[in-house]
PDB file of N, CA and C in Angstrom:
ATOM      1  N   MET A   1      36.743  97.967   6.125  1.00  0.00           N
ATOM      2  CA  MET A   1      37.664  96.855   5.993  1.00  0.00           C
ATOM      3  C   MET A   1      38.610  96.864   7.202  1.00  0.00           C
ATOM      4  N   PRO A   2      38.806  95.691   7.874  1.00  0.00           N
ATOM      5  CA  PRO A   2      39.681  95.655   9.039  1.00  0.00           C
ATOM      6  C   PRO A   2      41.123  95.958   8.652  1.00  0.00           C
ATOM      7  N   ALA A   3      41.864  96.501   9.623  1.00  0.00           N
ATOM      8  CA  ALA A   3      43.271  96.812   9.395  1.00  0.00           C
ATOM      9  C   ALA A   3      44.035  95.522   9.126  1.00  0.00           C
ATOM     10  N   LYS A   4      45.015  95.606   8.242  1.00  0.00           N
ATOM     11  CA  LYS A   4      45.821  94.438   7.908  1.00  0.00           C
ATOM     12  C   LYS A   4      46.752  94.129   9.078  1.00  0.00           C
ATOM     13  N   LYS A   5      46.780  92.866   9.504  1.00  0.00           N
ATOM     14  CA  LYS A   5      47.618  92.451  10.618  1.00  0.00           C
ATOM     15  C   LYS A   5      48.977  92.012  10.098  1.00  0.00           C
ATOM     16  N   ALA A   6      49.995  92.177  10.942  1.00  0.00           N
ATOM     17  CA  ALA A   6      51.341  91.763  10.573  1.00  0.00           C
ATOM     18  C   ALA A   6      51.387  90.245  10.402  1.00  0.00           C
ATOM     19  N   LEU A   7      52.076  89.800   9.376  1.00  0.00           N
ATOM     20  CA  LEU A   7      52.226  88.372   9.139  1.00  0.00           C
ATOM     21  C   LEU A   7      53.302  87.815  10.061  1.00  0.00           C
ATOM     22  N   LEU A   8      53.082  86.614  10.542  1.00  0.00           N
ATOM     23  CA  LEU A   8      54.059  85.962  11.418  1.00  0.00           C
ATOM     24  C   LEU A   8      55.154  85.305  10.590  1.00  0.00           C
ATOM     25  N   SER A   9      56.349  85.293  11.140  1.00  0.00           N
ATOM     26  CA  SER A   9      57.457  84.605  10.483  1.00  0.00           C
ATOM     27  C   SER A   9      57.224  83.096  10.560  1.00  0.00           C
ATOM     28  N   ASP A  10      57.983  82.345   9.767  1.00  0.00           N
ATOM     29  CA  ASP A  10      57.865  80.888   9.809  1.00  0.00           C
ATOM     30  C   ASP A  10      58.214  80.349  11.194  1.00  0.00           C
ATOM     31  N   ASP A  11      59.215  80.941  11.849  1.00  0.00           N
ATOM     32  CA  ASP A  11      59.580  80.505  13.206  1.00  0.00           C
ATOM     33  C   ASP A  11      58.439  80.759  14.187  1.00  0.00           C
ATOM     34  N   ALA A  12      57.799  81.913  14.054  1.00  0.00           N
ATOM     35  CA  ALA A  12      56.667  82.228  14.935  1.00  0.00           C
ATOM     36  C   ALA A  12      55.512  81.269  14.683  1.00  0.00           C
ATOM     37  N   LEU A  13      55.278  80.940  13.416  1.00  0.00           N
ATOM     38  CA  LEU A  13      54.210  79.994  13.100  1.00  0.00           C
ATOM     39  C   LEU A  13      54.485  78.622  13.704  1.00  0.00           C
ATOM     40  N   GLN A  14      55.747  78.210  13.739  1.00  0.00           N
ATOM     41  CA  GLN A  14      56.114  76.944  14.382  1.00  0.00           C
ATOM     42  C   GLN A  14      55.761  76.972  15.864  1.00  0.00           C
ATOM     43  N   LEU A  15      56.030  78.094  16.537  1.00  0.00           N
ATOM     44  CA  LEU A  15      55.700  78.211  17.960  1.00  0.00           C
ATOM     45  C   LEU A  15      54.196  78.157  18.186  1.00  0.00           C
ATOM     46  N   VAL A  16      53.460  78.828  17.327  1.00  0.00           N
ATOM     47  CA  VAL A  16      51.995  78.823  17.438  1.00  0.00           C
ATOM     48  C   VAL A  16      51.460  77.405  17.220  1.00  0.00           C
ATOM     49  N   ALA A  17      51.993  76.723  16.219  1.00  0.00           N
ATOM     50  CA  ALA A  17      51.550  75.356  15.938  1.00  0.00           C
ATOM     51  C   ALA A  17      51.827  74.439  17.121  1.00  0.00           C
ATOM     52  N   ARG A  18      52.975  74.608  17.762  1.00  0.00           N
ATOM     53  CA  ARG A  18      53.290  73.785  18.940  1.00  0.00           C
ATOM     54  C   ARG A  18      52.318  74.058  20.079  1.00  0.00           C
ATOM     55  N   ARG A  19      51.959  75.324  20.272  1.00  0.00           N
ATOM     56  CA  ARG A  19      51.006  75.662  21.337  1.00  0.00           C
ATOM     57  C   ARG A  19      49.666  75.005  21.076  1.00  0.00           C
ATOM     58  N   PHE A  20      49.191  75.073  19.829  1.00  0.00           N
ATOM     59  CA  PHE A  20      47.912  74.434  19.499  1.00  0.00           C
ATOM     60  C   PHE A  20      48.005  72.915  19.607  1.00  0.00           C
ATOM     61  N   ALA A  21      49.145  72.346  19.281  1.00  0.00           N
ATOM     62  CA  ALA A  21      49.316  70.892  19.417  1.00  0.00           C
ATOM     63  C   ALA A  21      49.197  70.481  20.874  1.00  0.00           C
ATOM     64  N   VAL A  22      49.768  71.262  21.764  1.00  0.00           N
ATOM     65  CA  VAL A  22      49.665  70.970  23.205  1.00  0.00           C
ATOM     66  C   VAL A  22      48.200  71.006  23.630  1.00  0.00           C
ATOM     67  N   LEU A  23      47.450  71.939  23.092  1.00  0.00           N
ATOM     68  CA  LEU A  23      46.039  72.096  23.465  1.00  0.00           C
ATOM     69  C   LEU A  23      45.118  71.154  22.694  1.00  0.00           C
ATOM     70  N   GLY A  24      45.660  70.379  21.783  1.00  0.00           N
ATOM     71  CA  GLY A  24      44.849  69.484  20.967  1.00  0.00           C
ATOM     72  C   GLY A  24      44.519  68.159  21.633  1.00  0.00           C
ATOM     73  N   GLU A  25      44.845  68.015  22.890  1.00  0.00           N
ATOM     74  CA  GLU A  25      44.601  66.772  23.633  1.00  0.00           C
ATOM     75  C   GLU A  25      43.523  67.031  24.690  1.00  0.00           C
ATOM     76  N   PRO A  26      42.380  66.338  24.612  1.00  0.00           N
ATOM     77  CA  PRO A  26      41.286  66.584  25.555  1.00  0.00           C
ATOM     78  C   PRO A  26      41.687  66.464  27.037  1.00  0.00           C
ATOM     79  N   MET A  27      42.554  65.523  27.378  1.00  0.00           N
ATOM     80  CA  MET A  27      42.942  65.388  28.787  1.00  0.00           C
ATOM     81  C   MET A  27      43.662  66.648  29.277  1.00  0.00           C
ATOM     82  N   ARG A  28      44.475  67.242  28.428  1.00  0.00           N
ATOM     83  CA  ARG A  28      45.173  68.468  28.835  1.00  0.00           C
ATOM     84  C   ARG A  28      44.180  69.599  29.045  1.00  0.00           C
ATOM     85  N   LEU A  29      43.161  69.653  28.216  1.00  0.00           N
ATOM     86  CA  LEU A  29      42.117  70.666  28.406  1.00  0.00           C
ATOM     87  C   LEU A  29      41.353  70.414  29.697  1.00  0.00           C
ATOM     88  N   ARG A  30      41.088  69.144  30.021  1.00  0.00           N
ATOM     89  CA  ARG A  30      40.410  68.824  31.291  1.00  0.00           C
ATOM     90  C   ARG A  30      41.279  69.250  32.476  1.00  0.00           C
ATOM     91  N   LEU A  31      42.584  69.034  32.358  1.00  0.00           N
ATOM     92  CA  LEU A  31      43.489  69.433  33.445  1.00  0.00           C
ATOM     93  C   LEU A  31      43.495  70.945  33.618  1.00  0.00           C
ATOM     94  N   LEU A  32      43.545  71.677  32.519  1.00  0.00           N
ATOM     95  CA  LEU A  32      43.489  73.139  32.610  1.00  0.00           C
ATOM     96  C   LEU A  32      42.178  73.593  33.237  1.00  0.00           C
ATOM     97  N   ARG A  33      41.074  72.961  32.831  1.00  0.00           N
ATOM     98  CA  ARG A  33      39.777  73.304  33.409  1.00  0.00           C
ATOM     99  C   ARG A  33      39.774  73.045  34.914  1.00  0.00           C
ATOM    100  N   ALA A  34      40.373  71.931  35.330  1.00  0.00           N
ATOM    101  CA  ALA A  34      40.422  71.598  36.756  1.00  0.00           C
ATOM    102  C   ALA A  34      41.264  72.602  37.535  1.00  0.00           C
ATOM    103  N   LEU A  35      42.230  73.209  36.887  1.00  0.00           N
ATOM    104  CA  LEU A  35      43.114  74.157  37.565  1.00  0.00           C
ATOM    105  C   LEU A  35      42.570  75.581  37.606  1.00  0.00           C
ATOM    106  N   ILE A  36      41.423  75.811  36.977  1.00  0.00           N
ATOM    107  CA  ILE A  36      40.805  77.143  37.033  1.00  0.00           C
ATOM    108  C   ILE A  36      40.581  77.556  38.487  1.00  0.00           C
ATOM    109  N   GLU A  37      40.192  76.589  39.312  1.00  0.00           N
ATOM    110  CA  GLU A  37      39.865  76.862  40.712  1.00  0.00           C
ATOM    111  C   GLU A  37      41.102  77.108  41.576  1.00  0.00           C
ATOM    112  N   GLY A  38      42.284  76.811  41.053  1.00  0.00           N
ATOM    113  CA  GLY A  38      43.506  77.032  41.814  1.00  0.00           C
ATOM    114  C   GLY A  38      44.387  75.796  41.827  1.00  0.00           C
ATOM    115  N   GLU A  39      45.477  75.918  42.538  1.00  0.00           N
ATOM    116  CA  GLU A  39      46.502  74.879  42.615  1.00  0.00           C
ATOM    117  C   GLU A  39      45.943  73.554  43.130  1.00  0.00           C
ATOM    118  N   LYS A  40      46.417  72.470  42.523  1.00  0.00           N
ATOM    119  CA  LYS A  40      45.988  71.129  42.948  1.00  0.00           C
ATOM    120  C   LYS A  40      47.147  70.160  42.829  1.00  0.00           C
ATOM    121  N   SER A  41      47.094  69.118  43.640  1.00  0.00           N
ATOM    122  CA  SER A  41      48.118  68.073  43.573  1.00  0.00           C
ATOM    123  C   SER A  41      47.847  67.158  42.383  1.00  0.00           C
ATOM    124  N   VAL A  42      48.869  66.407  41.991  1.00  0.00           N
ATOM    125  CA  VAL A  42      48.709  65.454  40.899  1.00  0.00           C
ATOM    126  C   VAL A  42      47.616  64.447  41.249  1.00  0.00           C
ATOM    127  N   GLY A  43      47.605  63.970  42.487  1.00  0.00           N
ATOM    128  CA  GLY A  43      46.586  63.006  42.907  1.00  0.00           C
ATOM    129  C   GLY A  43      45.184  63.567  42.802  1.00  0.00           C
ATOM    130  N   ALA A  44      45.005  64.823  43.222  1.00  0.00           N
ATOM    131  CA  ALA A  44      43.681  65.453  43.141  1.00  0.00           C
ATOM    132  C   ALA A  44      43.268  65.625  41.683  1.00  0.00           C
ATOM    133  N   LEU A  45      44.219  66.003  40.835  1.00  0.00           N
ATOM    134  CA  LEU A  45      43.912  66.167  39.414  1.00  0.00           C
ATOM    135  C   LEU A  45      43.570  64.836  38.759  1.00  0.00           C
ATOM    136  N   ALA A  46      44.274  63.789  39.150  1.00  0.00           N
ATOM    137  CA  ALA A  46      43.982  62.457  38.608  1.00  0.00           C
ATOM    138  C   ALA A  46      42.566  62.027  38.995  1.00  0.00           C
ATOM    139  N   ALA A  47      42.206  62.263  40.242  1.00  0.00           N
ATOM    140  CA  ALA A  47      40.867  61.887  40.696  1.00  0.00           C
ATOM    141  C   ALA A  47      39.794  62.708  39.984  1.00  0.00           C
ATOM    142  N   GLU A  48      40.028  64.007  39.841  1.00  0.00           N
ATOM    143  CA  GLU A  48      39.024  64.887  39.233  1.00  0.00           C
ATOM    144  C   GLU A  48      38.835  64.609  37.742  1.00  0.00           C
ATOM    145  N   THR A  49      39.904  64.247  37.065  1.00  0.00           N
ATOM    146  CA  THR A  49      39.821  64.002  35.620  1.00  0.00           C
ATOM    147  C   THR A  49      39.636  62.530  35.284  1.00  0.00           C
ATOM    148  N   GLU A  50      39.589  61.695  36.309  1.00  0.00           N
ATOM    149  CA  GLU A  50      39.432  60.251  36.159  1.00  0.00           C
ATOM    150  C   GLU A  50      40.541  59.643  35.295  1.00  0.00           C
ATOM    151  N   GLY A  51      41.744  60.164  35.467  1.00  0.00           N
ATOM    152  CA  GLY A  51      42.901  59.629  34.761  1.00  0.00           C
ATOM    153  C   GLY A  51      43.811  58.913  35.732  1.00  0.00           C
ATOM    154  N   THR A  52      44.731  58.151  35.201  1.00  0.00           N
ATOM    155  CA  THR A  52      45.714  57.516  36.081  1.00  0.00           C
ATOM    156  C   THR A  52      46.760  58.558  36.460  1.00  0.00           C
ATOM    157  N   GLN A  53      47.394  58.345  37.586  1.00  0.00           N
ATOM    158  CA  GLN A  53      48.388  59.313  38.041  1.00  0.00           C
ATOM    159  C   GLN A  53      49.541  59.420  37.029  1.00  0.00           C
ATOM    160  N   ALA A  54      49.952  58.292  36.439  1.00  0.00           N
ATOM    161  CA  ALA A  54      51.041  58.314  35.455  1.00  0.00           C
ATOM    162  C   ALA A  54      50.637  59.108  34.216  1.00  0.00           C
ATOM    163  N   ASN A  55      49.418  58.907  33.714  1.00  0.00           N
ATOM    164  CA  ASN A  55      48.946  59.613  32.531  1.00  0.00           C
ATOM    165  C   ASN A  55      48.796  61.105  32.805  1.00  0.00           C
ATOM    166  N   VAL A  56      48.219  61.433  33.945  1.00  0.00           N
ATOM    167  CA  VAL A  56      48.041  62.833  34.320  1.00  0.00           C
ATOM    168  C   VAL A  56      49.405  63.513  34.468  1.00  0.00           C
ATOM    169  N   SER A  57      50.351  62.837  35.096  1.00  0.00           N
ATOM    170  CA  SER A  57      51.697  63.398  35.262  1.00  0.00           C
ATOM    171  C   SER A  57      52.348  63.675  33.912  1.00  0.00           C
ATOM    172  N   ARG A  58      52.176  62.776  32.983  1.00  0.00           N
ATOM    173  CA  ARG A  58      52.755  62.954  31.645  1.00  0.00           C
ATOM    174  C   ARG A  58      52.157  64.178  30.954  1.00  0.00           C
ATOM    175  N   HIS A  59      50.839  64.336  31.032  1.00  0.00           N
ATOM    176  CA  HIS A  59      50.191  65.491  30.409  1.00  0.00           C
ATOM    177  C   HIS A  59      50.568  66.794  31.117  1.00  0.00           C
ATOM    178  N   LEU A  60      50.681  66.747  32.432  1.00  0.00           N
ATOM    179  CA  LEU A  60      51.089  67.939  33.177  1.00  0.00           C
ATOM    180  C   LEU A  60      52.514  68.355  32.800  1.00  0.00           C
ATOM    181  N   GLN A  61      53.378  67.385  32.574  1.00  0.00           N
ATOM    182  CA  GLN A  61      54.739  67.677  32.144  1.00  0.00           C
ATOM    183  C   GLN A  61      54.727  68.409  30.800  1.00  0.00           C
ATOM    184  N   THR A  62      53.894  67.951  29.890  1.00  0.00           N
ATOM    185  CA  THR A  62      53.775  68.599  28.576  1.00  0.00           C
ATOM    186  C   THR A  62      53.273  70.028  28.732  1.00  0.00           C
ATOM    187  N   LEU A  63      52.258  70.217  29.576  1.00  0.00           N
ATOM    188  CA  LEU A  63      51.724  71.560  29.823  1.00  0.00           C
ATOM    189  C   LEU A  63      52.768  72.454  30.474  1.00  0.00           C
ATOM    190  N   ALA A  64      53.569  71.893  31.371  1.00  0.00           N
ATOM    191  CA  ALA A  64      54.619  72.671  32.041  1.00  0.00           C
ATOM    192  C   ALA A  64      55.708  73.066  31.043  1.00  0.00           C
ATOM    193  N   GLU A  65      56.105  72.150  30.181  1.00  0.00           N
ATOM    194  CA  GLU A  65      57.126  72.449  29.172  1.00  0.00           C
ATOM    195  C   GLU A  65      56.662  73.540  28.217  1.00  0.00           C
ATOM    196  N   ALA A  66      55.352  73.619  27.997  1.00  0.00           N
ATOM    197  CA  ALA A  66      54.785  74.655  27.132  1.00  0.00           C
ATOM    198  C   ALA A  66      54.589  75.971  27.869  1.00  0.00           C
ATOM    199  N   GLY A  67      54.851  75.986  29.166  1.00  0.00           N
ATOM    200  CA  GLY A  67      54.708  77.208  29.951  1.00  0.00           C
ATOM    201  C   GLY A  67      53.293  77.530  30.365  1.00  0.00           C
ATOM    202  N   LEU A  68      52.385  76.566  30.221  1.00  0.00           N
ATOM    203  CA  LEU A  68      50.983  76.813  30.568  1.00  0.00           C
ATOM    204  C   LEU A  68      50.691  76.574  32.040  1.00  0.00           C
ATOM    205  N   VAL A  69      51.413  75.646  32.651  1.00  0.00           N
ATOM    206  CA  VAL A  69      51.244  75.396  34.083  1.00  0.00           C
ATOM    207  C   VAL A  69      52.606  75.468  34.764  1.00  0.00           C
ATOM    208  N   GLY A  70      52.551  75.764  36.049  1.00  0.00           N
ATOM    209  CA  GLY A  70      53.747  75.757  36.869  1.00  0.00           C
ATOM    210  C   GLY A  70      53.624  74.658  37.898  1.00  0.00           C
ATOM    211  N   ARG A  71      54.753  74.243  38.446  1.00  0.00           N
ATOM    212  CA  ARG A  71      54.721  73.173  39.442  1.00  0.00           C
ATOM    213  C   ARG A  71      55.504  73.583  40.678  1.00  0.00           C
ATOM    214  N   ARG A  72      55.063  73.018  41.792  1.00  0.00           N
ATOM    215  CA  ARG A  72      55.691  73.275  43.074  1.00  0.00           C
ATOM    216  C   ARG A  72      55.723  71.962  43.834  1.00  0.00           C
ATOM    217  N   LYS A  73      56.884  71.643  44.378  1.00  0.00           N
ATOM    218  CA  LYS A  73      57.011  70.395  45.130  1.00  0.00           C
ATOM    219  C   LYS A  73      56.973  70.698  46.619  1.00  0.00           C
ATOM    220  N   GLU A  74      56.214  69.886  47.333  1.00  0.00           N
ATOM    221  CA  GLU A  74      56.111  70.011  48.784  1.00  0.00           C
ATOM    222  C   GLU A  74      56.214  68.599  49.352  1.00  0.00           C
ATOM    223  N   GLY A  75      57.375  68.273  49.895  1.00  0.00           N
ATOM    224  CA  GLY A  75      57.596  66.912  50.358  1.00  0.00           C
ATOM    225  C   GLY A  75      57.567  65.961  49.182  1.00  0.00           C
ATOM    226  N   LEU A  76      56.713  64.950  49.270  1.00  0.00           N
ATOM    227  CA  LEU A  76      56.595  63.978  48.183  1.00  0.00           C
ATOM    228  C   LEU A  76      55.532  64.366  47.156  1.00  0.00           C
ATOM    229  N   GLN A  77      54.763  65.404  47.459  1.00  0.00           N
ATOM    230  CA  GLN A  77      53.674  65.799  46.557  1.00  0.00           C
ATOM    231  C   GLN A  77      54.113  66.911  45.616  1.00  0.00           C
ATOM    232  N   VAL A  78      53.549  66.883  44.418  1.00  0.00           N
ATOM    233  CA  VAL A  78      53.776  67.937  43.435  1.00  0.00           C
ATOM    234  C   VAL A  78      52.436  68.624  43.177  1.00  0.00           C
ATOM    235  N   PHE A  79      52.464  69.943  43.222  1.00  0.00           N
ATOM    236  CA  PHE A  79      51.265  70.739  43.010  1.00  0.00           C
ATOM    237  C   PHE A  79      51.420  71.538  41.727  1.00  0.00           C
ATOM    238  N   TYR A  80      50.324  71.634  40.984  1.00  0.00           N
ATOM    239  CA  TYR A  80      50.327  72.367  39.719  1.00  0.00           C
ATOM    240  C   TYR A  80      49.342  73.523  39.790  1.00  0.00           C
ATOM    241  N   SER A  81      49.664  74.581  39.061  1.00  0.00           N
ATOM    242  CA  SER A  81      48.787  75.744  38.959  1.00  0.00           C
ATOM    243  C   SER A  81      48.944  76.349  37.563  1.00  0.00           C
ATOM    244  N   ILE A  82      48.035  77.214  37.217  1.00  0.00           N
ATOM    245  CA  ILE A  82      48.087  77.889  35.917  1.00  0.00           C
ATOM    246  C   ILE A  82      49.227  78.900  35.935  1.00  0.00           C
ATOM    247  N   ALA A  83      50.105  78.815  34.945  1.00  0.00           N
ATOM    248  CA  ALA A  83      51.215  79.761  34.827  1.00  0.00           C
ATOM    249  C   ALA A  83      50.912  80.854  33.801  1.00  0.00           C
ATOM    250  N   ASP A  84      50.036  80.552  32.863  1.00  0.00           N
ATOM    251  CA  ASP A  84      49.694  81.508  31.805  1.00  0.00           C
ATOM    252  C   ASP A  84      48.175  81.645  31.730  1.00  0.00           C
ATOM    253  N   PRO A  85      47.614  82.574  32.532  1.00  0.00           N
ATOM    254  CA  PRO A  85      46.151  82.708  32.568  1.00  0.00           C
ATOM    255  C   PRO A  85      45.534  83.134  31.233  1.00  0.00           C
ATOM    256  N   SER A  86      46.336  83.631  30.300  1.00  0.00           N
ATOM    257  CA  SER A  86      45.786  84.022  29.004  1.00  0.00           C
ATOM    258  C   SER A  86      45.227  82.821  28.248  1.00  0.00           C
ATOM    259  N   ILE A  87      45.588  81.624  28.675  1.00  0.00           N
ATOM    260  CA  ILE A  87      45.074  80.419  28.023  1.00  0.00           C
ATOM    261  C   ILE A  87      43.545  80.362  28.113  1.00  0.00           C
ATOM    262  N   PHE A  88      42.988  80.926  29.185  1.00  0.00           N
ATOM    263  CA  PHE A  88      41.537  80.912  29.340  1.00  0.00           C
ATOM    264  C   PHE A  88      40.864  81.888  28.373  1.00  0.00           C
ATOM    265  N   ASP A  89      41.563  82.976  28.016  1.00  0.00           N
ATOM    266  CA  ASP A  89      41.032  83.887  26.991  1.00  0.00           C
ATOM    267  C   ASP A  89      40.941  83.165  25.654  1.00  0.00           C
ATOM    268  N   LEU A  90      41.973  82.391  25.347  1.00  0.00           N
ATOM    269  CA  LEU A  90      41.976  81.629  24.101  1.00  0.00           C
ATOM    270  C   LEU A  90      40.842  80.605  24.102  1.00  0.00           C
ATOM    271  N   CYS A  91      40.679  79.898  25.219  1.00  0.00           N
ATOM    272  CA  CYS A  91      39.612  78.893  25.316  1.00  0.00           C
ATOM    273  C   CYS A  91      38.234  79.543  25.172  1.00  0.00           C
ATOM    274  N   GLU A  92      38.041  80.714  25.780  1.00  0.00           N
ATOM    275  CA  GLU A  92      36.756  81.407  25.663  1.00  0.00           C
ATOM    276  C   GLU A  92      36.488  81.827  24.228  1.00  0.00           C
ATOM    277  N   LEU A  93      37.524  82.285  23.548  1.00  0.00           N
ATOM    278  CA  LEU A  93      37.381  82.694  22.155  1.00  0.00           C
ATOM    279  C   LEU A  93      36.975  81.504  21.293  1.00  0.00           C
ATOM    280  N   VAL A  94      37.641  80.378  21.469  1.00  0.00           N
ATOM    281  CA  VAL A  94      37.333  79.179  20.687  1.00  0.00           C
ATOM    282  C   VAL A  94      35.938  78.670  21.036  1.00  0.00           C
ATOM    283  N   CYS A  95      35.629  78.612  22.328  1.00  0.00           N
ATOM    284  CA  CYS A  95      34.307  78.120  22.746  1.00  0.00           C
ATOM    285  C   CYS A  95      33.193  79.023  22.229  1.00  0.00           C
ATOM    286  N   GLY A  96      33.404  80.332  22.258  1.00  0.00           N
ATOM    287  CA  GLY A  96      32.406  81.265  21.749  1.00  0.00           C
ATOM    288  C   GLY A  96      32.171  81.063  20.266  1.00  0.00           C
ATOM    289  N   SER A  97      33.242  80.864  19.519  1.00  0.00           N
ATOM    290  CA  SER A  97      33.131  80.628  18.085  1.00  0.00           C
ATOM    291  C   SER A  97      32.386  79.321  17.803  1.00  0.00           C
ATOM    292  N   LEU A  98      32.735  78.275  18.536  1.00  0.00           N
ATOM    293  CA  LEU A  98      32.050  76.982  18.357  1.00  0.00           C
ATOM    294  C   LEU A  98      30.571  77.090  18.708  1.00  0.00           C
ATOM    295  N   ASN A  99      30.266  77.847  19.749  1.00  0.00           N
ATOM    296  CA  ASN A  99      28.877  78.036  20.163  1.00  0.00           C
ATOM    297  C   ASN A  99      28.087  78.738  19.055  1.00  0.00           C
ATOM    298  N   GLN A 100      28.671  79.771  18.453  1.00  0.00           N
ATOM    299  CA  GLN A 100      27.997  80.474  17.357  1.00  0.00           C
ATOM    300  C   GLN A 100      27.771  79.558  16.163  1.00  0.00           C
ATOM    301  N   GLN A 101      28.781  78.761  15.829  1.00  0.00           N
ATOM    302  CA  GLN A 101      28.636  77.839  14.698  1.00  0.00           C
ATOM    303  C   GLN A 101      27.549  76.806  14.963  1.00  0.00           C
ATOM    304  N   THR A 102      27.501  76.310  16.185  1.00  0.00           N
ATOM    305  CA  THR A 102      26.486  75.316  16.543  1.00  0.00           C
ATOM    306  C   THR A 102      25.094  75.910  16.444  1.00  0.00           C
ATOM    307  N   ARG A 103      24.918  77.129  16.942  1.00  0.00           N
ATOM    308  CA  ARG A 103      23.611  77.780  16.853  1.00  0.00           C
ATOM    309  C   ARG A 103      23.200  78.041  15.404  1.00  0.00           C
ATOM    310  N   ALA A 104      24.157  78.438  14.584  1.00  0.00           N
ATOM    311  CA  ALA A 104      23.866  78.686  13.174  1.00  0.00           C
ATOM    312  C   ALA A 104      23.422  77.392  12.485  1.00  0.00           C
ATOM    313  N   ARG A 105      24.094  76.307  12.781  1.00  0.00           N
ATOM    314  CA  ARG A 105      23.715  75.019  12.185  1.00  0.00           C
ATOM    315  C   ARG A 105      22.342  74.568  12.671  1.00  0.00           C
ATOM    316  N   ALA A 106      22.071  74.812  13.939  1.00  0.00           N
ATOM    317  CA  ALA A 106      20.775  74.425  14.498  1.00  0.00           C
ATOM    318  C   ALA A 106      19.638  75.178  13.810  1.00  0.00           C
ATOM    319  N   ARG A 107      19.882  76.467  13.488  1.00  0.00           N
ATOM    320  CA  ARG A 107      18.844  77.253  12.799  1.00  0.00           C
ATOM    321  C   ARG A 107      18.587  76.700  11.398  1.00  0.00           C
ATOM    322  N   ILE A 108      19.609  76.214  10.741  1.00  0.00           N
ATOM    323  CA  ILE A 108      19.459  75.672   9.387  1.00  0.00           C
ATOM    324  C   ILE A 108      18.526  74.456   9.413  1.00  0.00           C
ATOM    325  N   PHE A 109      18.667  73.613  10.433  1.00  0.00           N
ATOM    326  CA  PHE A 109      17.904  72.370  10.497  1.00  0.00           C
ATOM    327  C   PHE A 109      16.619  72.487  11.302  1.00  0.00           C
ATOM    328  N   ALA A 110      16.333  73.659  11.819  1.00  0.00           N
ATOM    329  CA  ALA A 110      15.119  73.823  12.627  1.00  0.00           C
ATOM    330  C   ALA A 110      13.899  74.019  11.767  1.00  0.00           C
TER     331      ALA A 110
END
């Protein structure tokens, strides 16, 4: 039997819920994926994700407020990069779980 894990307080659960809410938007996930390769300007991110610059900027602001990305201004351009690389561990965990579930379902219908 696995060891019992400590229960989170209600305040901690609120923080966790907010983090998942930030990640619950596909465009934000696309932006994080685009930033895996390194720092990019808002314009480059808009082009890569096929979003408008205003929409991409709004999502990047949300990611920055959550501490997932950092920003750097150079002249008139703003560049974003990953501030919390552990986000990719979380994404891998979720993707791995989804992959297993998909394979299990495929075996049922095969």
